[in-house]
Amino acid sequence: MNQKTALITGATAGIGYETANLLAQNKYNLILTGRRKERLESLKTKLELTFGCKILLLTFDIRSRKATETALSSIPEEWRAIDVLINNAGLAAGLGPVNSADVDDWENMIDTNIKGLLYTIRTITPWMVERQSGHVVNISSIAGKESYPNGSVYCGSKHAVAAISKAMRIELMPFGIKVSSIAPGAVDTEFSLVRFRGDQEKATQVYKGFTPLQAKDIAETILFVITRPPHVNIDDLLIMPTSQASARDFHRK
């Protein structure tokens, strides 16, 4: 059986990094994207030596339409039979009400979480349509199901991912293409460190008093979703820490 190929955006850390490790372990060849070239190259060396899989790296900023389209269009013909596209790249920037939030933070989240995801989908899915086969996995969030104060635009961006996923499911179904949306609750990654602009103390407080999800938990969930039989599609999956019951309700000790 030929090895399958998965493309993972945002593979340099967190969920993307752990998903790359797990899929390599499960005999996938990988196209890995991100902005941090050194991290991508280190990951490539590790996975090739450990698992013997083939790795193609693409270094670009997903917020740029031109950079994204140029990088993805450069994928060699022999790599274009992509079985799984995992749209993982995303971020939260800042916390603040709509009347005083930093508009640059809004631009960053919209450009990454919505537009970058769409640029990738627009380039890759035509290849899947041509093959009449493929699976797109969009990483959403509990913030795509519930909104909370001071996070209006982040929540809006993840609600958009959920809506896009639902429409894609209908649009791509006739071509045999699966579409799944995975919405994690609190995951201990660089997420909060990025949101608080590198303030480690603030980031640590987010996960204080309870056990959050780990990036590996989401990677295992992704592997489960993409390895269902051909007649099974997991449309929408919400995964939470045991100590989290909603976007704002936590049991902290």
Protein backbone atom coordinates (compact mmCIF):
# COMPACT_ATOMS: atom_id res chain seq x y z
CA MET A 1 0.00 0.00 0.00
CA ASN A 2 1.30 3.45 -0.90
CA GLN A 3 2.01 5.79 1.97
CA LYS A 4 -0.51 8.58 2.38
CA THR A 5 0.48 12.24 2.29
CA ALA A 6 -0.69 14.90 4.74
CA LEU A 7 -0.14 18.64 4.59
CA ILE A 8 -0.02 20.36 7.99
CA THR A 9 0.01 24.14 8.36
CA GLY A 10 1.60 25.66 11.45
CA ALA A 11 3.82 22.63 12.09
CA THR A 12 6.57 24.34 14.08
CA ALA A 13 4.95 24.06 17.52
CA GLY A 14 2.00 22.81 19.54
CA ILE A 15 -0.74 20.83 17.83
CA GLY A 16 0.88 21.00 14.39
CA TYR A 17 4.21 19.76 15.71
CA GLU A 18 2.71 16.85 17.64
CA THR A 19 0.46 15.92 14.71
CA ALA A 20 3.49 15.78 12.43
CA ASN A 21 5.21 13.43 14.87
CA LEU A 22 2.18 11.16 15.22
CA LEU A 23 1.42 10.97 11.50
CA ALA A 24 5.07 10.25 10.69
CA GLN A 25 4.93 7.44 13.24
CA ASN A 26 1.87 6.14 11.39
CA LYS A 27 3.66 6.04 8.02
CA TYR A 28 2.42 9.28 6.48
CA ASN A 29 4.63 11.36 4.21
CA LEU A 30 4.35 15.00 5.21
CA ILE A 31 4.27 18.48 3.73
CA LEU A 32 4.98 20.80 6.67
CA THR A 33 4.51 24.56 6.61
CA GLY A 34 5.39 27.37 8.98
CA ARG A 35 7.26 30.63 9.38
CA ARG A 36 10.17 29.36 11.49
CA LYS A 37 12.57 27.71 9.07
CA GLU A 38 15.02 26.37 11.66
CA ARG A 39 12.25 24.61 13.58
CA LEU A 40 10.88 23.06 10.40
CA GLU A 41 14.31 21.82 9.37
CA SER A 42 14.96 20.35 12.82
CA LEU A 43 11.60 18.57 12.76
CA LYS A 44 12.26 17.24 9.26
CA THR A 45 15.62 15.76 10.28
CA LYS A 46 14.12 14.15 13.36
CA LEU A 47 11.15 12.58 11.56
CA GLU A 48 13.16 11.30 8.62
CA LEU A 49 15.76 9.68 10.87
CA THR A 50 13.22 8.23 13.30
CA PHE A 51 10.43 7.08 10.98
CA GLY A 52 11.92 7.01 7.49
CA CYS A 53 9.12 9.09 5.99
CA LYS A 54 9.48 11.67 3.25
CA ILE A 55 9.17 15.32 4.27
CA LEU A 56 8.65 18.43 2.13
CA LEU A 57 9.07 21.81 3.85
CA LEU A 58 7.45 25.09 2.86
CA THR A 59 8.45 28.22 4.79
CA PHE A 60 6.09 31.17 4.39
CA ASP A 61 3.70 33.46 6.26
CA ILE A 62 0.16 32.18 5.79
CA ARG A 63 -1.21 35.70 6.31
CA SER A 64 0.16 36.68 2.90
CA ARG A 65 -2.00 35.56 -0.01
CA LYS A 66 0.86 35.90 -2.47
CA ALA A 67 3.34 34.00 -0.28
CA THR A 68 0.82 31.25 0.45
CA GLU A 69 -0.25 30.78 -3.16
CA THR A 70 3.35 30.89 -4.39
CA ALA A 71 4.56 28.34 -1.83
CA LEU A 72 1.70 25.89 -2.29
CA SER A 73 1.77 26.19 -6.06
CA SER A 74 5.45 25.23 -5.95
CA ILE A 75 4.60 21.78 -4.59
CA PRO A 76 6.05 19.29 -7.09
CA GLU A 77 3.62 17.18 -9.11
CA GLU A 78 4.67 14.00 -7.31
CA TRP A 79 3.58 15.54 -3.97
CA ARG A 80 0.18 16.82 -5.10
CA ALA A 81 -1.79 13.67 -4.33
CA ILE A 82 -2.51 15.07 -0.85
CA ASP A 83 -4.75 12.74 1.11
CA VAL A 84 -5.19 14.95 4.16
CA LEU A 85 -5.02 18.74 4.59
CA ILE A 86 -4.81 19.82 8.23
CA ASN A 87 -5.47 23.55 8.59
CA ASN A 88 -3.87 24.02 11.97
CA ALA A 89 -2.18 27.42 11.72
CA GLY A 90 -3.99 29.91 13.93
CA LEU A 91 -3.56 32.27 16.85
CA ALA A 92 -5.15 34.57 19.38
CA ALA A 93 -3.72 38.07 19.77
CA GLY A 94 -4.51 40.17 22.81
CA LEU A 95 -7.57 40.46 25.03
CA GLY A 96 -9.75 43.54 25.02
CA PRO A 97 -13.26 44.87 24.36
CA VAL A 98 -14.24 46.01 20.89
CA ASN A 99 -14.17 49.66 21.91
CA SER A 100 -10.49 49.62 22.88
CA ALA A 101 -8.83 46.50 21.41
CA ASP A 102 -5.76 46.78 19.21
CA VAL A 103 -6.92 46.75 15.58
CA ASP A 104 -3.57 45.28 14.53
CA ASP A 105 -4.42 42.25 16.69
CA TRP A 106 -7.72 41.93 14.82
CA GLU A 107 -5.95 42.06 11.49
CA ASN A 108 -3.47 39.41 12.62
CA MET A 109 -6.21 37.00 13.74
CA ILE A 110 -8.43 37.51 10.70
CA ASP A 111 -5.49 37.19 8.29
CA THR A 112 -4.24 34.00 9.96
CA ASN A 113 -7.35 32.21 11.19
CA ILE A 114 -9.70 32.95 8.30
CA LYS A 115 -7.90 34.25 5.24
CA GLY A 116 -4.83 32.03 5.57
CA LEU A 117 -7.04 28.99 6.01
CA LEU A 118 -9.02 29.95 2.90
CA TYR A 119 -5.92 30.59 0.80
CA THR A 120 -4.73 27.08 1.62
CA ILE A 121 -8.11 25.47 0.96
CA ARG A 122 -8.47 27.28 -2.36
CA THR A 123 -5.11 25.99 -3.62
CA ILE A 124 -5.24 22.40 -2.35
CA THR A 125 -8.87 21.32 -2.73
CA PRO A 126 -8.93 21.52 -6.57
CA TRP A 127 -6.31 18.76 -6.57
CA MET A 128 -8.56 16.69 -4.31
CA VAL A 129 -11.57 17.36 -6.53
CA GLU A 130 -9.59 16.18 -9.55
CA ARG A 131 -8.70 12.95 -7.74
CA GLN A 132 -12.22 12.58 -6.26
CA SER A 133 -10.60 11.91 -2.92
CA GLY A 134 -9.26 13.72 0.12
CA HIS A 135 -9.92 14.89 3.67
CA VAL A 136 -9.76 18.45 5.00
CA VAL A 137 -9.44 18.91 8.76
CA ASN A 138 -9.95 22.44 10.09
CA ILE A 139 -8.81 23.17 13.62
CA SER A 140 -11.42 25.40 15.22
CA SER A 141 -11.93 26.04 18.95
CA ILE A 142 -14.47 26.11 21.75
CA ALA A 143 -14.36 29.84 20.84
CA GLY A 144 -15.98 28.82 17.56
CA LYS A 145 -19.00 27.58 19.47
CA GLU A 146 -19.26 30.10 22.32
CA SER A 147 -18.26 33.75 22.55
CA TYR A 148 -16.69 35.41 25.56
CA PRO A 149 -15.95 39.02 26.52
CA ASN A 150 -12.64 40.54 25.40
CA GLY A 151 -12.30 37.86 22.74
CA SER A 152 -14.87 39.01 20.21
CA VAL A 153 -12.69 38.90 17.09
CA TYR A 154 -10.87 35.70 18.04
CA CYS A 155 -14.26 34.07 18.70
CA GLY A 156 -15.56 35.53 15.45
CA SER A 157 -12.63 34.09 13.52
CA LYS A 158 -13.22 30.62 14.94
CA HIS A 159 -16.96 30.86 14.36
CA ALA A 160 -16.00 31.59 10.75
CA VAL A 161 -13.90 28.40 10.63
CA ALA A 162 -16.91 26.42 11.86
CA ALA A 163 -19.19 28.00 9.25
CA ILE A 164 -16.68 27.52 6.45
CA SER A 165 -16.28 23.87 7.46
CA LYS A 166 -20.03 23.26 7.31
CA ALA A 167 -20.36 24.83 3.87
CA MET A 168 -17.29 22.98 2.58
CA ARG A 169 -18.77 19.70 3.76
CA ILE A 170 -21.78 20.29 1.50
CA GLU A 171 -19.80 21.68 -1.43
CA LEU A 172 -17.15 18.94 -1.52
CA MET A 173 -19.35 15.96 -0.64
CA PRO A 174 -20.17 15.14 -4.31
CA PHE A 175 -16.46 14.64 -4.95
CA GLY A 176 -15.96 12.11 -2.17
CA ILE A 177 -14.00 14.60 -0.06
CA LYS A 178 -14.37 14.49 3.70
CA VAL A 179 -14.42 17.68 5.79
CA SER A 180 -13.99 17.70 9.57
CA SER A 181 -13.87 20.46 12.16
CA ILE A 182 -12.11 19.81 15.47
CA ALA A 183 -12.75 22.29 18.28
CA PRO A 184 -10.43 22.00 21.31
CA GLY A 185 -10.94 23.63 24.65
CA ALA A 186 -7.93 24.77 26.69
CA VAL A 187 -4.73 23.24 25.30
CA ASP A 188 -1.35 23.93 26.92
CA THR A 189 0.64 25.13 23.90
CA GLU A 190 2.19 28.47 22.86
CA PHE A 191 -1.38 29.77 22.40
CA SER A 192 -1.52 31.88 25.57
CA LEU A 193 2.13 32.91 25.29
CA VAL A 194 1.37 34.35 21.85
CA ARG A 195 -1.88 35.97 23.05
CA PHE A 196 -0.02 37.74 25.88
CA ARG A 197 2.95 38.73 23.69
CA GLY A 198 5.48 36.49 25.39
CA ASP A 199 4.43 37.19 29.00
CA GLN A 200 5.11 33.77 30.50
CA GLU A 201 3.57 34.62 33.88
CA LYS A 202 0.22 35.58 32.32
CA ALA A 203 0.31 32.54 30.04
CA THR A 204 0.95 30.21 32.99
CA GLN A 205 -2.02 31.64 34.91
CA VAL A 206 -4.40 30.52 32.15
CA TYR A 207 -3.77 26.86 32.98
CA LYS A 208 -3.33 27.22 36.75
CA GLY A 209 -5.33 24.92 39.03
CA PHE A 210 -6.49 22.37 36.46
CA THR A 211 -5.08 19.92 33.95
CA PRO A 212 -5.44 21.28 30.41
CA LEU A 213 -5.36 19.27 27.23
CA GLN A 214 -1.96 18.64 25.70
CA ALA A 215 -1.07 19.05 22.05
CA LYS A 216 -0.65 15.26 21.83
CA ASP A 217 -4.31 14.83 22.83
CA ILE A 218 -5.41 16.81 19.79
CA ALA A 219 -2.92 15.03 17.54
CA GLU A 220 -4.42 11.69 18.63
CA THR A 221 -7.89 13.08 17.92
CA ILE A 222 -6.83 14.15 14.43
CA LEU A 223 -5.38 10.69 13.77
CA PHE A 224 -8.67 9.09 14.86
CA VAL A 225 -10.69 11.38 12.60
CA ILE A 226 -8.59 10.79 9.48
CA THR A 227 -8.39 7.01 9.90
CA ARG A 228 -12.13 6.27 9.95
CA PRO A 229 -13.40 3.95 7.20
CA PRO A 230 -14.25 5.54 3.82
CA HIS A 231 -17.98 5.64 4.61
CA VAL A 232 -17.47 7.51 7.92
CA ASN A 233 -16.92 11.28 8.25
CA ILE A 234 -16.53 12.99 11.63
CA ASP A 235 -18.14 16.34 10.79
CA ASP A 236 -17.70 18.25 14.03
CA LEU A 237 -15.83 17.26 17.19
CA LEU A 238 -15.53 19.21 20.46
CA ILE A 239 -12.81 18.03 22.85
CA MET A 240 -12.39 19.54 26.33
CA PRO A 241 -10.32 19.00 29.46
CA THR A 242 -12.31 17.19 32.16
CA SER A 243 -12.07 20.34 34.28
CA GLN A 244 -13.54 22.62 31.60
CA ALA A 245 -17.27 22.64 30.83
CA SER A 246 -17.55 25.73 28.61
CA ALA A 247 -15.39 28.51 27.23
CA ARG A 248 -15.44 30.21 30.65
CA ASP A 249 -16.31 27.51 33.18
CA PHE A 250 -13.36 25.73 34.81
CA HIS A 251 -12.96 23.73 37.99
CA ARG A 252 -9.70 24.99 39.44
CA LYS A 253 -8.21 23.50 42.59
